């Protein structure tokens, strides 16, 4: 008998959607994505550098999460076209090569060839989920009891260690916790 986790929770950075923290993977459960408003160590212009689970995750270009955007390159092309200031804030020219960005635009064009409004809907959905998360963050500060429970959980403590730059780089499954 093999143990399978009940939840497959993956914390991702709000804007670039890179992996911040991985839960125990499951073949039975789809990824439940929780977005965190924090600067990604790979995609920021403020010089924030820390260890996170991205080293252990699948390479972003192969990450199935980005399929909803038409792929990783298309995601960056969408940011470049629809949210240029955000693209720059995420260090876009360092985050993705010119060639990858061109491939992303080709992917966007293909999507629009099939459905003229596809990219606009994807961009709107990205913006909606981003705004929703920011609004929920404001509401969470009102509901301190719920937030306190999460912060005391193993997941909350590990997430805080990562964001504070105190994480040792050892995944939770390896340490037996």
C-alpha atoms as a PDB file:
ATOM      1  CA  UNK A   1       0.000   0.000   0.000  1.00  0.00           C
ATOM      2  CA  UNK A   2       1.369   3.399  -0.963  1.00  0.00           C
ATOM      3  CA  UNK A   3       0.448   6.531   0.955  1.00  0.00           C
ATOM      4  CA  UNK A   4      -0.880   9.391  -1.173  1.00  0.00           C
ATOM      5  CA  UNK A   5      -1.362  12.908   0.187  1.00  0.00           C
ATOM      6  CA  UNK A   6      -4.871  14.275   0.495  1.00  0.00           C
ATOM      7  CA  UNK A   7      -3.883  17.670  -0.934  1.00  0.00           C
ATOM      8  CA  UNK A   8      -1.296  18.637  -3.504  1.00  0.00           C
ATOM      9  CA  UNK A   9      -0.717  22.255  -2.473  1.00  0.00           C
ATOM     10  CA  UNK A  10       1.773  24.359  -4.414  1.00  0.00           C
ATOM     11  CA  UNK A  11       2.557  27.918  -3.357  1.00  0.00           C
ATOM     12  CA  UNK A  12       3.463  30.159  -6.301  1.00  0.00           C
ATOM     13  CA  UNK A  13       4.566  33.751  -6.514  1.00  0.00           C
ATOM     14  CA  UNK A  14       1.638  35.999  -7.371  1.00  0.00           C
ATOM     15  CA  UNK A  15       3.026  37.775 -10.415  1.00  0.00           C
ATOM     16  CA  UNK A  16       5.484  35.402 -12.135  1.00  0.00           C
ATOM     17  CA  UNK A  17       3.783  32.189 -10.921  1.00  0.00           C
ATOM     18  CA  UNK A  18       7.100  30.436 -10.212  1.00  0.00           C
ATOM     19  CA  UNK A  19       7.095  27.714  -7.556  1.00  0.00           C
ATOM     20  CA  UNK A  20       7.746  29.020  -4.039  1.00  0.00           C
ATOM     21  CA  UNK A  21       6.883  25.869  -2.077  1.00  0.00           C
ATOM     22  CA  UNK A  22       5.781  22.404  -3.113  1.00  0.00           C
ATOM     23  CA  UNK A  23       3.515  20.170  -1.128  1.00  0.00           C
ATOM     24  CA  UNK A  24       3.915  16.424  -1.240  1.00  0.00           C
ATOM     25  CA  UNK A  25       3.095  15.529  -4.848  1.00  0.00           C
ATOM     26  CA  UNK A  26       0.204  13.232  -5.596  1.00  0.00           C
ATOM     27  CA  UNK A  27      -0.718  11.258  -8.664  1.00  0.00           C
ATOM     28  CA  UNK A  28      -4.326  11.308  -7.502  1.00  0.00           C
ATOM     29  CA  UNK A  29      -4.836  14.987  -6.744  1.00  0.00           C
ATOM     30  CA  UNK A  30      -4.408  17.912  -9.111  1.00  0.00           C
ATOM     31  CA  UNK A  31      -2.283  20.820  -7.976  1.00  0.00           C
ATOM     32  CA  UNK A  32      -4.072  23.241  -5.677  1.00  0.00           C
ATOM     33  CA  UNK A  33      -2.349  26.563  -6.321  1.00  0.00           C
ATOM     34  CA  UNK A  34      -2.046  29.158  -3.584  1.00  0.00           C
ATOM     35  CA  UNK A  35      -0.618  32.497  -4.670  1.00  0.00           C
ATOM     36  CA  UNK A  36       1.751  34.449  -2.432  1.00  0.00           C
ATOM     37  CA  UNK A  37       2.484  38.144  -2.863  1.00  0.00           C
ATOM     38  CA  UNK A  38       6.262  38.138  -2.493  1.00  0.00           C
ATOM     39  CA  UNK A  39       9.171  38.940  -4.807  1.00  0.00           C
ATOM     40  CA  UNK A  40      10.447  35.877  -6.663  1.00  0.00           C
ATOM     41  CA  UNK A  41      14.220  35.481  -6.283  1.00  0.00           C
ATOM     42  CA  UNK A  42      14.526  35.006 -10.055  1.00  0.00           C
ATOM     43  CA  UNK A  43      12.071  37.668 -11.153  1.00  0.00           C
ATOM     44  CA  UNK A  44      12.510  40.923  -9.314  1.00  0.00           C
ATOM     45  CA  UNK A  45      14.381  44.170  -9.665  1.00  0.00           C
ATOM     46  CA  UNK A  46      14.757  44.777  -5.927  1.00  0.00           C
ATOM     47  CA  UNK A  47      17.662  42.350  -5.516  1.00  0.00           C
ATOM     48  CA  UNK A  48      15.707  39.844  -3.381  1.00  0.00           C
ATOM     49  CA  UNK A  49      17.534  36.523  -3.319  1.00  0.00           C
ATOM     50  CA  UNK A  50      16.500  33.428  -1.361  1.00  0.00           C
ATOM     51  CA  UNK A  51      16.239  29.670  -1.691  1.00  0.00           C
ATOM     52  CA  UNK A  52      12.859  28.210  -2.545  1.00  0.00           C
ATOM     53  CA  UNK A  53      11.440  25.014  -3.981  1.00  0.00           C
ATOM     54  CA  UNK A  54      11.907  26.127  -7.593  1.00  0.00           C
ATOM     55  CA  UNK A  55      15.141  24.132  -7.788  1.00  0.00           C
ATOM     56  CA  UNK A  56      13.138  20.993  -7.030  1.00  0.00           C
ATOM     57  CA  UNK A  57      10.227  21.780  -9.332  1.00  0.00           C
ATOM     58  CA  UNK A  58       9.955  20.972 -12.994  1.00  0.00           C
ATOM     59  CA  UNK A  59      11.591  23.614 -15.226  1.00  0.00           C
ATOM     60  CA  UNK A  60       9.069  26.415 -15.885  1.00  0.00           C
ATOM     61  CA  UNK A  61       9.088  25.737 -19.641  1.00  0.00           C
ATOM     62  CA  UNK A  62       7.784  22.215 -18.854  1.00  0.00           C
ATOM     63  CA  UNK A  63       5.528  23.190 -15.934  1.00  0.00           C
ATOM     64  CA  UNK A  64       1.949  22.121 -16.778  1.00  0.00           C
ATOM     65  CA  UNK A  65       0.641  25.089 -14.747  1.00  0.00           C
ATOM     66  CA  UNK A  66       1.593  27.436 -17.615  1.00  0.00           C
ATOM     67  CA  UNK A  67      -0.502  25.515 -20.161  1.00  0.00           C
ATOM     68  CA  UNK A  68      -3.460  27.736 -19.185  1.00  0.00           C
ATOM     69  CA  UNK A  69      -1.466  30.647 -20.659  1.00  0.00           C
ATOM     70  CA  UNK A  70      -0.445  28.801 -23.810  1.00  0.00           C
ATOM     71  CA  UNK A  71       2.913  27.799 -22.297  1.00  0.00           C
ATOM     72  CA  UNK A  72       5.696  29.512 -20.386  1.00  0.00           C
ATOM     73  CA  UNK A  73       6.917  31.628 -23.306  1.00  0.00           C
ATOM     74  CA  UNK A  74       3.360  32.697 -24.128  1.00  0.00           C
ATOM     75  CA  UNK A  75       2.877  33.686 -20.460  1.00  0.00           C
ATOM     76  CA  UNK A  76       5.843  36.084 -20.659  1.00  0.00           C
ATOM     77  CA  UNK A  77       4.716  37.386 -24.050  1.00  0.00           C
ATOM     78  CA  UNK A  78       1.261  38.068 -22.556  1.00  0.00           C
ATOM     79  CA  UNK A  79       2.883  39.982 -19.673  1.00  0.00           C
ATOM     80  CA  UNK A  80       5.036  41.894 -22.168  1.00  0.00           C
ATOM     81  CA  UNK A  81       2.082  42.860 -24.335  1.00  0.00           C
ATOM     82  CA  UNK A  82      -0.702  43.354 -21.782  1.00  0.00           C
ATOM     83  CA  UNK A  83       1.132  44.337 -18.592  1.00  0.00           C
ATOM     84  CA  UNK A  84       4.379  45.993 -19.740  1.00  0.00           C
ATOM     85  CA  UNK A  85       5.132  47.763 -16.415  1.00  0.00           C
ATOM     86  CA  UNK A  86       4.734  44.459 -14.551  1.00  0.00           C
ATOM     87  CA  UNK A  87       6.918  42.700 -17.134  1.00  0.00           C
ATOM     88  CA  UNK A  88       9.635  45.268 -16.443  1.00  0.00           C
ATOM     89  CA  UNK A  89       9.156  45.020 -12.665  1.00  0.00           C
ATOM     90  CA  UNK A  90       9.703  41.276 -12.928  1.00  0.00           C
ATOM     91  CA  UNK A  91      12.971  41.907 -14.767  1.00  0.00           C
ATOM     92  CA  UNK A  92      11.448  40.660 -18.015  1.00  0.00           C
ATOM     93  CA  UNK A  93      14.519  41.127 -20.202  1.00  0.00           C
ATOM     94  CA  UNK A  94      16.522  39.035 -17.701  1.00  0.00           C
ATOM     95  CA  UNK A  95      13.711  36.571 -17.075  1.00  0.00           C
ATOM     96  CA  UNK A  96      13.269  35.445 -20.653  1.00  0.00           C
ATOM     97  CA  UNK A  97      15.477  35.706 -23.729  1.00  0.00           C
ATOM     98  CA  UNK A  98      14.451  37.645 -26.826  1.00  0.00           C
ATOM     99  CA  UNK A  99      14.141  34.350 -28.693  1.00  0.00           C
ATOM    100  CA  UNK A 100      11.857  32.878 -26.020  1.00  0.00           C
ATOM    101  CA  UNK A 101       9.764  36.051 -26.093  1.00  0.00           C
ATOM    102  CA  UNK A 102       9.472  35.762 -29.889  1.00  0.00           C
ATOM    103  CA  UNK A 103       8.348  32.142 -29.535  1.00  0.00           C
ATOM    104  CA  UNK A 104       5.849  33.336 -26.951  1.00  0.00           C
ATOM    105  CA  UNK A 105       4.421  35.854 -29.416  1.00  0.00           C
ATOM    106  CA  UNK A 106       4.163  33.099 -32.019  1.00  0.00           C
ATOM    107  CA  UNK A 107       2.198  31.023 -29.479  1.00  0.00           C
ATOM    108  CA  UNK A 108      -0.088  33.990 -28.732  1.00  0.00           C
ATOM    109  CA  UNK A 109      -0.659  34.580 -32.446  1.00  0.00           C
ATOM    110  CA  UNK A 110      -1.587  30.919 -32.888  1.00  0.00           C
ATOM    111  CA  UNK A 111      -4.046  31.159 -30.017  1.00  0.00           C
ATOM    112  CA  UNK A 112      -5.607  34.285 -31.541  1.00  0.00           C
ATOM    113  CA  UNK A 113      -5.802  32.634 -34.935  1.00  0.00           C
ATOM    114  CA  UNK A 114      -7.975  29.953 -33.361  1.00  0.00           C
ATOM    115  CA  UNK A 115      -9.913  32.420 -31.181  1.00  0.00           C
ATOM    116  CA  UNK A 116      -9.490  36.214 -31.530  1.00  0.00           C
ATOM    117  CA  UNK A 117     -10.299  36.923 -27.867  1.00  0.00           C
ATOM    118  CA  UNK A 118      -8.294  34.059 -26.313  1.00  0.00           C
ATOM    119  CA  UNK A 119      -5.323  36.139 -25.187  1.00  0.00           C
ATOM    120  CA  UNK A 120      -7.541  38.914 -23.837  1.00  0.00           C
ATOM    121  CA  UNK A 121      -9.530  36.358 -21.798  1.00  0.00           C
ATOM    122  CA  UNK A 122      -6.341  34.777 -20.460  1.00  0.00           C
ATOM    123  CA  UNK A 123      -4.930  38.204 -19.534  1.00  0.00           C
ATOM    124  CA  UNK A 124      -8.218  39.190 -17.886  1.00  0.00           C
ATOM    125  CA  UNK A 125      -8.265  35.942 -15.905  1.00  0.00           C
ATOM    126  CA  UNK A 126      -4.664  36.512 -14.783  1.00  0.00           C
ATOM    127  CA  UNK A 127      -5.521  40.057 -13.702  1.00  0.00           C
ATOM    128  CA  UNK A 128      -8.694  38.893 -11.924  1.00  0.00           C
ATOM    129  CA  UNK A 129      -6.874  36.170  -9.955  1.00  0.00           C
ATOM    130  CA  UNK A 130      -4.106  38.629  -9.067  1.00  0.00           C
ATOM    131  CA  UNK A 131      -6.577  41.254  -7.838  1.00  0.00           C
ATOM    132  CA  UNK A 132      -8.597  38.615  -5.981  1.00  0.00           C
ATOM    133  CA  UNK A 133      -5.494  37.469  -4.141  1.00  0.00           C
ATOM    134  CA  UNK A 134      -4.560  41.033  -3.197  1.00  0.00           C
ATOM    135  CA  UNK A 135      -8.105  41.678  -1.926  1.00  0.00           C
ATOM    136  CA  UNK A 136      -8.099  38.409   0.030  1.00  0.00           C
ATOM    137  CA  UNK A 137      -4.827  39.453   1.645  1.00  0.00           C
ATOM    138  CA  UNK A 138      -6.495  42.611   2.951  1.00  0.00           C
ATOM    139  CA  UNK A 139      -9.428  40.561   4.259  1.00  0.00           C
ATOM    140  CA  UNK A 140      -7.070  38.035   5.900  1.00  0.00           C
ATOM    141  CA  UNK A 141      -5.602  40.758   8.058  1.00  0.00           C
ATOM    142  CA  UNK A 142      -9.113  41.275   9.445  1.00  0.00           C
ATOM    143  CA  UNK A 143      -9.512  37.533  10.122  1.00  0.00           C
ATOM    144  CA  UNK A 144      -6.441  37.126  12.353  1.00  0.00           C
ATOM    145  CA  UNK A 145      -7.657  33.848  13.873  1.00  0.00           C
ATOM    146  CA  UNK A 146      -7.585  31.998  10.534  1.00  0.00           C
ATOM    147  CA  UNK A 147      -4.201  33.498   9.641  1.00  0.00           C
ATOM    148  CA  UNK A 148      -2.804  32.565  13.069  1.00  0.00           C
ATOM    149  CA  UNK A 149      -3.839  28.924  12.571  1.00  0.00           C
ATOM    150  CA  UNK A 150      -2.129  28.798   9.174  1.00  0.00           C
ATOM    151  CA  UNK A 151       1.050  30.419  10.535  1.00  0.00           C
ATOM    152  CA  UNK A 152       1.254  27.745  13.259  1.00  0.00           C
ATOM    153  CA  UNK A 153       0.871  24.883  10.773  1.00  0.00           C
ATOM    154  CA  UNK A 154       3.974  23.193   9.385  1.00  0.00           C
ATOM    155  CA  UNK A 155       3.155  24.574   5.948  1.00  0.00           C
ATOM    156  CA  UNK A 156       2.891  28.126   7.312  1.00  0.00           C
ATOM    157  CA  UNK A 157       6.134  27.845   9.280  1.00  0.00           C
ATOM    158  CA  UNK A 158       8.029  26.483   6.268  1.00  0.00           C
ATOM    159  CA  UNK A 159       6.577  29.152   4.001  1.00  0.00           C
ATOM    160  CA  UNK A 160       7.647  31.860   6.454  1.00  0.00           C
ATOM    161  CA  UNK A 161      11.173  30.371   6.669  1.00  0.00           C
ATOM    162  CA  UNK A 162      11.470  30.440   2.877  1.00  0.00           C
ATOM    163  CA  UNK A 163      10.223  34.016   2.576  1.00  0.00           C
ATOM    164  CA  UNK A 164      12.539  35.165   5.389  1.00  0.00           C
ATOM    165  CA  UNK A 165      15.500  33.531   3.637  1.00  0.00           C
ATOM    166  CA  UNK A 166      15.978  31.096   6.562  1.00  0.00           C
ATOM    167  CA  UNK A 167      15.067  27.852   4.765  1.00  0.00           C
ATOM    168  CA  UNK A 168      17.858  25.261   4.700  1.00  0.00           C
ATOM    169  CA  UNK A 169      16.960  24.034   1.196  1.00  0.00           C
ATOM    170  CA  UNK A 170      15.928  20.583   2.408  1.00  0.00           C
ATOM    171  CA  UNK A 171      12.416  19.677   1.214  1.00  0.00           C
ATOM    172  CA  UNK A 172       9.924  18.788   3.931  1.00  0.00           C
ATOM    173  CA  UNK A 173       9.538  15.202   2.681  1.00  0.00           C
ATOM    174  CA  UNK A 174      13.266  14.514   3.105  1.00  0.00           C
ATOM    175  CA  UNK A 175      13.421  15.640   6.729  1.00  0.00           C
ATOM    176  CA  UNK A 176      10.473  13.411   7.640  1.00  0.00           C
ATOM    177  CA  UNK A 177       8.400  16.351   8.851  1.00  0.00           C
END
